[in-house]
Protein backbone atom coordinates (compact mmCIF):
# COMPACT_ATOMS: atom_id res chain seq x y z
CA UNK A 1 110.97 90.43 95.81
CA UNK A 2 109.24 92.89 98.00
CA UNK A 3 105.74 91.57 99.41
CA UNK A 4 102.65 93.79 98.37
CA UNK A 5 100.42 95.13 100.32
CA UNK A 6 98.04 92.13 99.59
CA UNK A 7 100.47 89.35 100.29
CA UNK A 8 100.94 91.46 103.25
CA UNK A 9 97.07 91.12 104.11
CA UNK A 10 96.98 87.78 103.68
CA UNK A 11 97.27 86.55 107.52
CA UNK A 12 94.55 89.36 108.22
CA UNK A 13 92.16 88.73 105.59
CA UNK A 14 90.76 90.61 103.14
CA UNK A 15 89.29 93.05 105.13
CA UNK A 16 90.88 96.15 104.22
CA UNK A 17 91.95 97.71 100.95
CA UNK A 18 91.99 101.24 100.85
CA UNK A 19 95.73 102.98 101.41
CA UNK A 20 94.84 105.07 104.47
CA UNK A 21 96.13 108.77 104.33
CA UNK A 22 97.97 109.55 107.90
CA UNK A 23 98.70 113.17 107.04
CA UNK A 24 94.82 115.71 107.35
CA UNK A 25 96.23 117.37 104.15
CA UNK A 26 97.60 115.67 101.51
CA UNK A 27 100.14 118.97 100.23
CA UNK A 28 101.22 122.20 102.27
CA UNK A 29 98.80 124.97 102.98
CA UNK A 30 99.99 128.09 101.85
CA UNK A 31 96.99 129.49 104.41
CA UNK A 32 99.02 127.69 107.43
CA UNK A 33 102.58 128.10 109.09
CA UNK A 34 105.38 125.29 107.22
CA UNK A 35 107.77 123.73 109.71
CA UNK A 36 108.49 120.98 112.00
CA UNK A 37 106.57 120.36 115.09
CA UNK A 38 107.56 118.05 117.98
CA UNK A 39 105.24 116.26 120.30
CA UNK A 40 106.32 113.44 122.51
CA UNK A 41 105.29 110.22 124.09
CA UNK A 42 105.45 110.36 128.19
CA UNK A 43 109.38 109.23 128.49
CA UNK A 44 108.60 106.06 131.59
CA UNK A 45 110.56 103.52 133.57
CA UNK A 46 107.29 101.51 132.33
CA UNK A 47 107.68 101.79 128.63
CA UNK A 48 111.49 100.74 128.59
CA UNK A 49 110.49 97.43 130.49
CA UNK A 50 108.24 96.27 128.76
CA UNK A 51 109.62 96.64 125.09
CA UNK A 52 112.73 95.44 126.46
CA UNK A 53 111.20 92.69 128.18
CA UNK A 54 108.58 92.02 125.06
CA UNK A 55 111.98 91.73 122.53
CA UNK A 56 113.30 88.52 124.90
CA UNK A 57 109.93 87.10 125.63
CA UNK A 58 108.54 88.13 121.93
CA UNK A 59 112.14 87.21 120.05
CA UNK A 60 112.04 89.68 118.03
CA UNK A 61 113.90 92.89 117.69
CA UNK A 62 112.14 96.51 119.19
CA UNK A 63 112.15 97.86 115.48
CA UNK A 64 109.39 95.08 115.05
CA UNK A 65 107.56 95.93 118.11
CA UNK A 66 107.25 99.32 117.85
CA UNK A 67 106.08 99.21 114.19
CA UNK A 68 103.29 96.86 115.54
CA UNK A 69 102.28 99.37 117.68
CA UNK A 70 102.25 101.66 115.28
CA UNK A 71 100.49 99.97 112.86
CA UNK A 72 97.79 99.34 115.72
CA UNK A 73 97.79 103.67 116.99
CA UNK A 74 97.47 104.70 113.13
CA UNK A 75 93.92 102.00 113.01
CA UNK A 76 92.58 102.69 116.16
CA UNK A 77 93.18 107.30 115.29
CA UNK A 78 92.38 107.26 111.60
CA UNK A 79 90.77 103.34 110.80
CA UNK A 80 91.38 100.15 109.51
CA UNK A 81 93.91 99.91 106.29
CA UNK A 82 97.32 100.12 104.45
CA UNK A 83 99.85 103.01 104.93
CA UNK A 84 103.50 103.03 103.37
CA UNK A 85 105.72 103.76 105.99
CA UNK A 86 109.59 104.82 105.15
CA UNK A 87 111.90 103.14 107.96
CA UNK A 88 115.17 103.23 109.43
CA UNK A 89 116.38 101.27 111.75
CA UNK A 90 120.00 100.40 113.16
CA UNK A 91 121.04 96.78 111.58
CA UNK A 92 118.76 97.55 108.66
CA UNK A 93 118.96 99.04 105.53
CA UNK A 94 116.59 101.93 104.91
CA UNK A 95 113.37 100.78 103.56
CA UNK A 96 111.16 102.54 101.28
CA UNK A 97 107.23 102.58 101.70
CA UNK A 98 106.46 99.61 103.34
CA UNK A 99 103.16 98.06 102.89
CA UNK A 100 102.30 98.36 106.51
CA UNK A 101 98.79 97.18 107.63
CA UNK A 102 96.92 98.75 110.62
CA UNK A 103 94.22 97.10 112.24
CA UNK A 104 92.24 97.32 115.48
CA UNK A 105 91.36 94.63 117.60
CA UNK A 106 88.34 93.54 116.11
CA UNK A 107 90.08 92.44 112.80
CA UNK A 108 93.13 91.11 114.06
CA UNK A 109 95.13 90.22 117.66
CA UNK A 110 98.53 91.56 118.65
CA UNK A 111 99.95 88.62 118.24
CA UNK A 112 98.57 88.66 113.89
CA UNK A 113 99.69 92.16 113.99
CA UNK A 114 103.17 91.42 114.88
CA UNK A 115 103.17 88.46 112.21
CA UNK A 116 102.67 90.61 109.71
CA UNK A 117 105.22 93.06 110.38
CA UNK A 118 107.78 90.50 110.49
CA UNK A 119 106.56 89.26 107.41
CA UNK A 120 106.98 91.90 105.68
CA UNK A 121 110.12 93.42 107.02
CA UNK A 122 111.95 90.06 106.39
CA UNK A 123 110.89 90.22 102.60
CA UNK A 124 111.45 93.63 102.09
CA UNK A 125 114.68 95.76 100.43
CA UNK A 126 115.54 99.20 99.95
CA UNK A 127 113.90 100.53 97.09
CA UNK A 128 114.16 104.32 95.35
CA UNK A 129 110.65 105.53 96.25
CA UNK A 130 109.59 108.38 93.44
CA UNK A 131 109.50 110.60 96.77
CA UNK A 132 109.04 110.30 100.63
CA UNK A 133 105.96 108.33 101.94
CA UNK A 134 104.23 110.40 104.55
CA UNK A 135 105.31 108.15 107.97
CA UNK A 136 109.12 107.80 108.51
CA UNK A 137 109.79 105.04 111.50
CA UNK A 138 113.47 106.09 112.38
CA UNK A 139 114.50 103.55 115.06
CA UNK A 140 117.91 105.61 116.28
CA UNK A 141 118.58 103.08 119.11
CA UNK A 142 121.14 104.09 122.12
CA UNK A 143 122.15 107.94 120.88
CA UNK A 144 125.01 109.48 120.70
CA UNK A 145 126.74 112.17 122.06
CA UNK A 146 126.57 114.90 119.30
CA UNK A 147 126.43 118.70 119.51
CA UNK A 148 123.36 119.02 118.86
CA UNK A 149 120.97 116.51 120.37
CA UNK A 150 119.24 114.14 118.61
CA UNK A 151 115.23 115.43 119.96
CA UNK A 152 116.59 118.80 118.77
CA UNK A 153 117.19 118.20 115.36
CA UNK A 154 114.23 118.44 113.25
CA UNK A 155 114.26 116.23 110.55
CA UNK A 156 114.99 116.94 107.00
CA UNK A 157 113.69 114.21 104.94
CA UNK A 158 110.50 115.63 103.33
CA UNK A 159 108.40 113.24 105.65
CA UNK A 160 105.06 114.55 106.96
CA UNK A 161 105.37 112.50 110.02
CA UNK A 162 108.20 111.49 111.67
CA UNK A 163 108.35 108.77 114.53
CA UNK A 164 111.54 108.41 115.97
CA UNK A 165 112.20 106.39 119.06
CA UNK A 166 115.82 106.32 120.91
CA UNK A 167 117.78 106.03 124.12
CA UNK A 168 118.88 107.71 126.25
CA UNK A 169 119.91 107.59 130.04
CA UNK A 170 118.41 103.73 129.82
CA UNK A 171 114.86 105.41 128.87
CA UNK A 172 112.86 105.14 125.65
CA UNK A 173 111.97 108.59 124.13
CA UNK A 174 109.31 108.93 121.55
CA UNK A 175 109.15 111.71 119.12
CA UNK A 176 106.73 112.89 117.00
CA UNK A 177 107.97 115.83 114.58
CA UNK A 178 104.79 116.68 112.19
CA UNK A 179 104.53 119.28 109.34
CA UNK A 180 102.41 121.78 110.41
CA UNK A 181 101.20 122.76 107.79
CA UNK A 182 99.88 118.86 106.85
CA UNK A 183 98.44 118.86 110.15
CA UNK A 184 95.84 119.57 112.76
CA UNK A 185 97.27 118.74 115.81
CA UNK A 186 94.47 117.08 117.41
CA UNK A 187 95.74 114.41 115.08
CA UNK A 188 99.04 113.93 116.24
CA UNK A 189 98.14 114.44 119.75
CA UNK A 190 95.36 111.37 119.30
CA UNK A 191 98.25 109.20 117.74
CA UNK A 192 100.47 110.19 120.06
CA UNK A 193 97.95 109.51 123.12
CA UNK A 194 97.54 106.16 122.01
CA UNK A 195 100.43 104.63 120.74
CA UNK A 196 101.99 103.99 124.39
CA UNK A 197 98.52 101.92 125.08
CA UNK A 198 99.22 100.51 121.61
CA UNK A 199 102.55 99.53 122.40
CA UNK A 200 102.02 97.78 126.36
CA UNK A 201 98.95 95.67 123.97
CA UNK A 202 101.46 94.64 121.70
CA UNK A 203 104.11 93.52 124.80
CA UNK A 204 101.37 92.75 126.71
CA UNK A 205 98.77 90.46 124.71
CA UNK A 206 101.16 88.97 121.94
CA UNK A 207 102.56 85.58 121.71
CA UNK A 208 106.32 84.17 120.33
CA UNK A 209 105.82 83.43 116.61
C-alpha cells in the first residue's frame, strides 16, 4: 500500500497536516497571459560536485536528495505542510501525488527530511490520479542529443510547476517551468533562489540513513 501523508509525517511529528497550495492562483487567470515560462538555477560546478559527493556519502540516489531539497525549498518559501508531487526519474516508475512533507529547519533537520523522502518513495507505487498535481519533479538524468534540446522543450502535462533536472557536459542543470497564469513571477524567483541553499543543506548537514 502507498504511504499516506499522515504516515509520511510520522518521523517528523504532527506539526503540519495542511496541504500547501504552491501556485498563487488555483486555476488559470484569464486576465494573465497563458503559457509556460522558464527560470533556471545558476549552473555551477560546485552544485554538481555537492550532489555527486552526497550520493556517495549518503548512499542515496540523486532524485531523493533533490526531492528533499525541494521539500526544504517549498517550506522556506511557503511554509510547513504537505505538497502532492508527481515524480518522474530514470529507473523509477512515474509516481503520482507523492505526499512530500515540507518542513523548515525549526521543525526538522536535514537527516529527518531525507529520511521522510526515502520512506515515502520506498512505499510509493504508480497510481492514476484524477489530474496532475501542481508540482512535478522531472529528473531526466543525462540529456540525450535530440533535435530539440530538453532545456527548450516546454512542459505539456498540465502541471503548474515543473522542476526539470538534467545533466549536460558534466553539469547539473535545474530549470523551473511555471504556468504564468497561475504564478506571480516573484514566487518562482524565490523558489529558484532558495533551492541551491536547500540542496547544500542536504548535502552538507545530513547523515547517512
